[in-house]
Protein backbone atom coordinates (compact mmCIF):
# COMPACT_ATOMS: atom_id res chain seq x y z
CA MET A 1 171.69 43.37 85.28
CA GLU A 2 168.15 43.68 85.63
CA ILE A 3 167.98 43.02 89.15
CA LEU A 4 170.40 45.97 90.00
CA GLN A 5 167.77 48.78 90.54
CA PHE A 6 166.08 46.41 93.59
CA PHE A 7 169.46 46.39 95.08
CA PHE A 8 170.19 49.84 94.77
CA GLY A 9 166.83 50.62 96.18
CA LEU A 10 167.97 48.81 99.41
CA ILE A 11 171.12 51.26 99.40
CA SER A 12 168.57 54.20 99.23
CA PHE A 13 166.67 52.60 102.01
CA PHE A 14 169.79 52.06 104.48
CA SER A 15 171.24 55.50 103.59
CA THR A 16 168.08 57.38 104.29
CA PHE A 17 167.53 55.63 107.26
CA TYR A 18 171.13 56.38 108.48
CA ILE A 19 170.99 59.83 107.79
CA LEU A 20 167.24 60.59 109.27
CA ARG A 21 168.60 59.10 112.38
CA ILE A 22 171.04 61.81 112.83
CA TRP A 23 168.64 64.51 111.14
CA ILE A 24 165.94 63.98 113.88
CA LYS A 25 168.47 64.47 116.78
CA LYS A 26 169.92 67.70 115.01
CA ALA A 27 166.42 69.02 113.89
CA LEU A 28 165.14 68.49 117.81
CA MET A 29 168.07 70.25 119.13
CA ASN A 30 168.08 73.12 116.82
CA GLY A 31 164.13 73.90 116.97
CA ILE A 32 163.48 72.65 113.52
CA VAL A 33 160.15 71.41 114.60
CA GLY A 34 156.48 71.74 114.05
CA PRO A 35 153.42 70.62 115.84
CA ASP A 36 151.64 67.45 115.13
CA MET A 37 148.07 68.71 114.59
CA ASN A 38 146.30 65.29 114.90
CA LYS A 39 147.32 64.73 118.28
CA PRO A 40 146.01 65.56 121.60
CA GLY A 41 148.57 68.47 122.79
CA LYS A 42 150.02 68.83 119.46
CA PRO A 43 153.50 67.35 120.31
CA LEU A 44 156.47 69.13 118.26
CA VAL A 45 158.04 66.78 115.99
CA ALA A 46 161.15 66.93 113.83
CA GLU A 47 160.69 68.40 110.51
CA MET A 48 162.06 68.53 106.81
CA GLY A 49 162.94 65.06 106.85
CA GLY A 50 162.43 64.97 103.06
CA ILE A 51 166.11 66.39 102.73
CA CYS A 52 167.08 62.88 103.82
CA VAL A 53 164.65 60.90 101.52
CA VAL A 54 166.08 63.12 98.56
CA PHE A 55 169.78 62.48 99.65
CA GLY A 56 168.88 58.82 99.88
CA PHE A 57 167.43 58.60 96.39
CA VAL A 58 169.97 60.58 94.62
CA PHE A 59 172.96 58.61 96.43
CA GLY A 60 171.23 55.17 95.54
CA LEU A 61 170.53 56.34 91.81
CA LEU A 62 174.08 57.57 91.23
CA LEU A 63 175.72 54.39 92.56
CA PHE A 64 173.19 52.38 89.85
CA ILE A 65 174.56 54.81 87.10
CA GLY A 66 177.93 53.90 88.28
CA ALA A 67 177.54 50.32 88.30
CA GLN A 68 176.13 50.76 84.90
CA THR A 69 179.42 52.51 83.47
CA PHE A 70 181.97 50.95 85.31
CA ILE A 71 180.84 47.65 86.05
CA PHE A 72 178.44 46.60 83.13
CA LYS A 73 180.02 49.12 80.78
CA ILE A 74 176.68 50.15 79.46
CA ASN A 75 176.60 53.32 77.80
CA ASP A 76 173.05 54.23 77.22
CA PRO A 77 171.60 57.46 76.00
CA ILE A 78 168.52 57.06 78.54
CA THR A 79 171.36 58.21 81.20
CA LEU A 80 171.15 61.64 79.88
CA GLU A 81 167.41 61.53 80.62
CA ILE A 82 168.09 60.13 83.97
CA PHE A 83 170.32 62.87 84.98
CA ALA A 84 167.68 65.43 83.55
CA VAL A 85 165.27 64.07 86.20
CA LEU A 86 167.93 64.22 89.17
CA CYS A 87 167.96 67.93 88.16
CA THR A 88 164.42 68.43 88.14
CA VAL A 89 164.24 66.66 91.33
CA LEU A 90 166.71 68.59 93.10
CA LEU A 91 165.47 71.83 91.67
CA ILE A 92 162.11 71.32 92.89
CA ALA A 93 163.35 69.99 96.58
CA ILE A 94 165.05 73.21 96.74
CA ILE A 95 161.33 75.07 96.26
CA GLY A 96 160.28 72.82 98.87
CA MET A 97 163.12 73.27 101.20
CA THR A 98 162.60 77.07 101.01
CA ASP A 99 158.94 76.81 101.57
CA ASP A 100 159.68 74.41 104.88
CA LEU A 101 162.36 76.97 106.01
CA LEU A 102 159.82 80.13 105.90
CA GLY A 103 157.12 77.96 107.46
CA TRP A 104 153.85 76.27 106.35
CA LYS A 105 151.86 79.28 107.69
CA ALA A 106 154.26 82.04 106.49
CA GLY A 107 155.67 80.20 103.50
CA LEU A 108 155.75 81.04 99.89
CA PRO A 109 152.30 82.34 98.52
CA GLN A 110 150.12 79.97 96.89
CA TRP A 111 150.01 81.21 93.76
CA LEU A 112 153.94 81.02 93.56
CA LYS A 113 154.29 77.54 94.17
CA PRO A 114 153.10 76.31 90.84
CA LEU A 115 154.89 78.85 88.94
CA LEU A 116 158.42 78.23 90.66
CA ALA A 117 157.64 74.36 89.71
CA ILE A 118 157.89 75.40 86.11
CA PRO A 119 161.65 76.14 85.69
CA ALA A 120 162.34 72.71 87.67
CA ALA A 121 161.07 71.11 84.43
CA ILE A 122 163.51 72.70 82.21
CA PRO A 123 166.16 69.85 82.40
CA LEU A 124 163.45 67.59 80.85
CA MET A 125 162.40 70.34 78.12
CA VAL A 126 165.79 70.80 76.58
CA ILE A 127 166.32 67.50 75.99
CA ASN A 128 162.89 66.64 74.45
CA ALA A 129 162.37 63.81 77.13
CA GLY A 130 159.69 61.29 76.59
CA ASN A 131 157.25 60.21 73.69
CA THR A 132 155.33 62.82 72.04
CA TRP A 133 152.78 60.38 70.92
CA MET A 134 149.97 59.84 72.99
CA GLU A 135 146.88 57.74 72.77
CA LEU A 136 143.79 59.53 74.16
CA PRO A 137 140.35 57.95 74.83
CA PHE A 138 137.92 58.56 71.90
CA ILE A 139 140.42 60.11 69.92
CA GLY A 140 143.23 57.50 69.33
CA GLU A 141 146.73 58.55 68.99
CA ILE A 142 147.92 61.90 68.82
CA ASN A 143 151.41 63.49 67.91
CA TRP A 144 151.95 66.71 69.99
CA GLY A 145 155.03 67.45 68.68
CA ILE A 146 157.03 70.62 70.02
CA ILE A 147 153.85 70.99 72.33
CA TYR A 148 154.59 68.25 74.36
CA PRO A 149 158.16 69.43 75.81
CA LEU A 150 157.07 73.24 75.79
CA ILE A 151 153.78 72.74 77.42
CA ILE A 152 152.90 69.21 78.69
CA ILE A 153 156.21 68.29 80.67
CA PRO A 154 156.03 71.62 82.65
CA PHE A 155 152.34 71.30 83.20
CA ALA A 156 152.88 67.64 84.53
CA ILE A 157 155.64 68.64 86.91
CA MET A 158 153.66 71.58 87.91
CA CYS A 159 150.52 69.83 88.83
CA ALA A 160 152.30 66.64 89.94
CA SER A 161 154.53 68.41 92.32
CA ASN A 162 151.74 70.61 93.96
CA GLY A 163 149.35 68.12 93.40
CA PHE A 164 151.02 65.44 95.76
CA ASN A 165 151.60 68.41 98.30
CA ILE A 166 147.71 68.37 98.88
CA LEU A 167 146.66 65.17 100.39
CA ALA A 168 149.09 65.46 103.34
CA GLY A 169 149.10 65.98 107.27
CA TYR A 170 148.75 62.45 108.75
CA ASN A 171 151.63 60.25 110.10
CA GLY A 172 152.47 58.01 107.19
CA LEU A 173 150.14 59.31 104.51
CA GLU A 174 152.41 61.17 102.21
CA ALA A 175 155.34 58.54 102.22
CA GLY A 176 152.78 55.48 102.23
CA MET A 177 151.05 56.70 99.29
CA GLY A 178 154.34 57.77 97.36
CA VAL A 179 155.54 53.81 97.87
CA ILE A 180 152.16 52.70 96.29
CA ILE A 181 152.33 54.97 93.57
CA LEU A 182 155.80 54.51 92.75
CA THR A 183 155.78 50.82 93.29
CA THR A 184 153.22 50.65 90.72
CA LEU A 185 154.96 52.66 88.07
CA GLY A 186 158.20 51.14 88.81
CA ALA A 187 157.00 47.68 88.25
CA LEU A 188 155.06 48.46 84.99
CA ALA A 189 158.23 50.20 83.75
CA TYR A 190 160.21 47.05 84.65
CA TYR A 191 157.58 44.99 82.77
CA THR A 192 157.94 46.92 79.67
CA ASN A 193 161.79 46.25 80.28
CA LYS A 194 162.27 50.23 80.91
CA ILE A 195 165.01 49.30 83.66
CA GLU A 196 166.58 52.79 84.23
CA VAL A 197 163.03 54.10 84.57
CA ALA A 198 162.26 51.41 87.12
CA ALA A 199 165.70 52.34 88.74
CA LEU A 200 164.26 55.97 89.12
CA ALA A 201 160.95 54.54 91.04
CA PHE A 202 162.70 51.85 93.24
CA CYS A 203 165.43 54.06 94.56
CA MET A 204 162.71 56.30 95.77
CA VAL A 205 160.57 53.49 96.73
CA GLY A 206 163.51 52.43 99.09
CA ALA A 207 164.06 56.06 100.77
CA LEU A 208 160.29 56.44 101.25
CA LEU A 209 160.19 53.26 103.20
CA ALA A 210 162.87 54.31 105.36
CA PHE A 211 161.33 57.58 105.87
CA LEU A 212 157.87 55.71 106.50
CA TRP A 213 159.93 53.73 109.45
CA PHE A 214 160.26 57.44 111.56
CA ASN A 215 156.84 58.87 110.22
CA TRP A 216 154.63 56.18 110.97
CA TYR A 217 152.38 56.79 113.92
CA PRO A 218 153.58 58.15 116.26
CA ALA A 219 155.77 60.11 113.77
CA LYS A 220 159.14 61.13 114.85
CA VAL A 221 159.58 63.40 111.81
CA PHE A 222 157.43 65.26 109.29
CA PRO A 223 158.02 64.93 105.49
CA GLY A 224 157.61 68.72 104.79
CA ASP A 225 157.48 70.05 101.37
CA SER A 226 160.91 68.95 100.90
CA LEU A 227 159.57 65.44 100.38
CA THR A 228 156.20 66.09 98.82
CA TYR A 229 157.33 68.24 96.02
CA PRO A 230 160.17 65.97 94.92
CA VAL A 231 158.30 62.86 95.04
CA GLY A 232 155.41 64.46 92.96
CA ALA A 233 157.67 65.86 90.51
CA LEU A 234 159.35 62.34 90.18
CA ILE A 235 156.03 60.68 89.68
CA ALA A 236 155.49 62.99 86.41
CA CYS A 237 159.39 62.12 85.30
CA ILE A 238 158.73 58.49 85.40
CA ALA A 239 155.30 58.76 83.79
CA ILE A 240 157.14 60.78 81.03
CA LEU A 241 160.13 58.68 80.56
CA GLY A 242 158.02 55.51 80.81
CA ASP A 243 155.12 56.47 78.71
CA LEU A 244 153.02 55.85 81.63
CA GLU A 245 151.31 59.11 81.40
CA LYS A 246 147.60 57.40 81.26
CA ILE A 247 148.40 55.41 84.25
CA ALA A 248 149.97 58.07 86.50
CA LEU A 249 146.81 60.22 85.91
CA ILE A 250 144.76 57.23 87.24
CA LEU A 251 146.73 56.81 90.34
CA PHE A 252 146.42 60.47 90.89
CA ILE A 253 142.90 60.24 90.86
CA PRO A 254 142.53 60.65 94.74
CA TYR A 255 144.66 63.83 94.57
CA ILE A 256 142.24 65.13 91.86
CA ILE A 257 139.49 64.58 93.87
CA ASP A 258 141.21 66.19 96.67
CA PHE A 259 141.81 69.38 94.90
CA LEU A 260 138.26 69.52 93.58
CA LEU A 261 136.85 69.46 97.28
CA VAL A 262 139.21 72.08 98.43
CA LEU A 263 138.31 74.10 95.32
CA ARG A 264 134.51 73.90 95.70
CA SER A 265 134.42 74.59 99.42
CA HIS A 266 136.71 77.59 98.92
CA CYS A 267 138.72 76.25 102.10
CA LYS A 268 142.08 77.67 102.77
CA GLY A 269 142.73 75.49 105.81
CA GLU A 270 144.72 72.22 105.89
CA ALA A 271 143.35 68.77 106.15
CA PHE A 272 143.51 68.49 109.84
CA ALA A 273 140.65 67.00 112.26
CA LYS A 274 139.24 68.00 115.40
CA VAL A 275 140.98 66.14 117.73
CA TYR A 276 139.74 64.53 121.26
CA ASP A 277 141.53 63.74 124.46
CA ASP A 278 141.86 60.30 123.50
CA GLY A 279 143.27 60.81 120.30
CA SER A 280 140.12 60.17 118.22
CA LEU A 281 139.37 62.27 115.33
CA GLU A 282 136.39 64.26 114.16
CA GLN A 283 135.52 66.16 110.96
CA PRO A 284 136.58 69.74 111.82
CA PHE A 285 133.79 71.14 109.48
CA GLU A 286 129.95 70.06 108.50
CA ARG A 287 130.99 69.78 104.89
CA ILE A 288 133.82 67.66 103.38
CA THR A 289 136.46 69.88 102.34
CA HIS A 290 139.34 66.97 101.93
CA MET A 291 139.51 63.54 100.95
CA THR A 292 140.84 62.97 104.71
CA HIS A 293 137.53 64.45 105.87
CA PHE A 294 135.96 62.07 103.32
CA ALA A 295 137.89 59.28 105.22
CA LEU A 296 136.81 60.46 108.39
CA ALA A 297 132.89 60.52 107.49
CA SER A 298 132.95 56.98 105.88
CA LEU A 299 134.81 55.55 108.94
CA LYS A 300 132.51 57.39 111.41
CA ARG A 301 129.60 55.25 110.06
CA VAL A 302 131.41 51.86 110.95
CA LYS A 303 133.27 52.93 113.96
CA ALA A 304 132.16 54.68 116.83
CA LYS A 305 135.88 56.42 117.10
CA VAL A 306 138.23 57.00 114.32
CA PHE A 307 141.54 57.54 114.76
CA GLU A 308 144.47 59.00 112.42
CA LYS A 309 145.94 55.20 111.63
CA ASP A 310 142.29 54.47 110.23
CA VAL A 311 142.27 57.53 108.02
CA VAL A 312 145.71 56.49 106.56
CA TYR A 313 144.52 53.18 106.10
CA PHE A 314 141.48 54.34 104.70
CA LEU A 315 143.29 56.35 101.88
CA TYR A 316 145.61 53.65 101.28
CA GLY A 317 142.94 51.19 100.38
CA ILE A 318 141.41 53.95 98.04
CA GLU A 319 144.64 54.23 96.23
CA LEU A 320 145.03 50.53 95.97
CA ILE A 321 141.79 50.31 94.06
CA PHE A 322 142.80 52.65 91.36
CA VAL A 323 146.24 50.38 91.33
CA ILE A 324 144.14 47.60 90.43
CA ILE A 325 142.02 49.55 87.79
CA SER A 326 145.67 50.79 86.49
CA ILE A 327 146.85 46.83 86.14
CA LEU A 328 143.74 45.87 84.41
CA ILE A 329 143.85 48.51 82.00
CA VAL A 330 147.64 47.35 81.21
CA PHE A 331 146.90 43.73 80.89
CA ARG A 332 143.56 44.10 79.31
């Protein structure tokens, strides 16, 4: 039974792959497109591919729950928490879709997006999900009590969903980072025998891998907020249900750094680069205002020309360093 989550992760992969092929054609036909900002000429690419990822994730997970119920006759109370996660992911996906439909330039106001994420946390709040006991550095264990469901859970959903949306804009970046983070959390949940929590992670990993097939350079589809918001929210949900808050925080350090860079520079622009005719990239500003700009500056020290794939690989590498740190902490 424990191997089921990997099987249904494959179902999420194939269902997402199938529907994405249809979505890309329909999106191009109906003008649901956006410019690929890091390419010469800024070609138009199908948008809102995150809808297909959410579909594949939900489909695979519901089949996993169905197999538990009707085949293995398992009636586990954690299924309630899994359905609460589904409600949170779907609610946050609606927010992302709304922002995508309104357009990334004239979409929802920046101050409104974090606030809209708070109601999406209500399903987890009302069932008192997670463990209120938490071990803090230099302090030890502390019981947050009612503060955990009423304050910490909505704060975590708000920060993770919006934070995962910050480090974005390069082909394969959002989906690839999501795969790395969720694979790590899923493996650790599996190691601690939290099978349903691992299923949450691996169903989304399967859906993201299918999306990455079409989003890799040169991208045929963009994720949009309809992907980044739900994936960020799911990371928070898995951290809550799997008692992996500390690990998730470590894995989110690149996003925290990116947020601080944007905050420090007072830059309201995106993480896009200056593009040359041969497709090579340059920092758009003298100051480093995003992690992608840090990647460009670092790579320019060792390469004469830096391309979009180089930036993505560099950021993957940084994330993998924090994966190693996380594993060392768990198995210390």
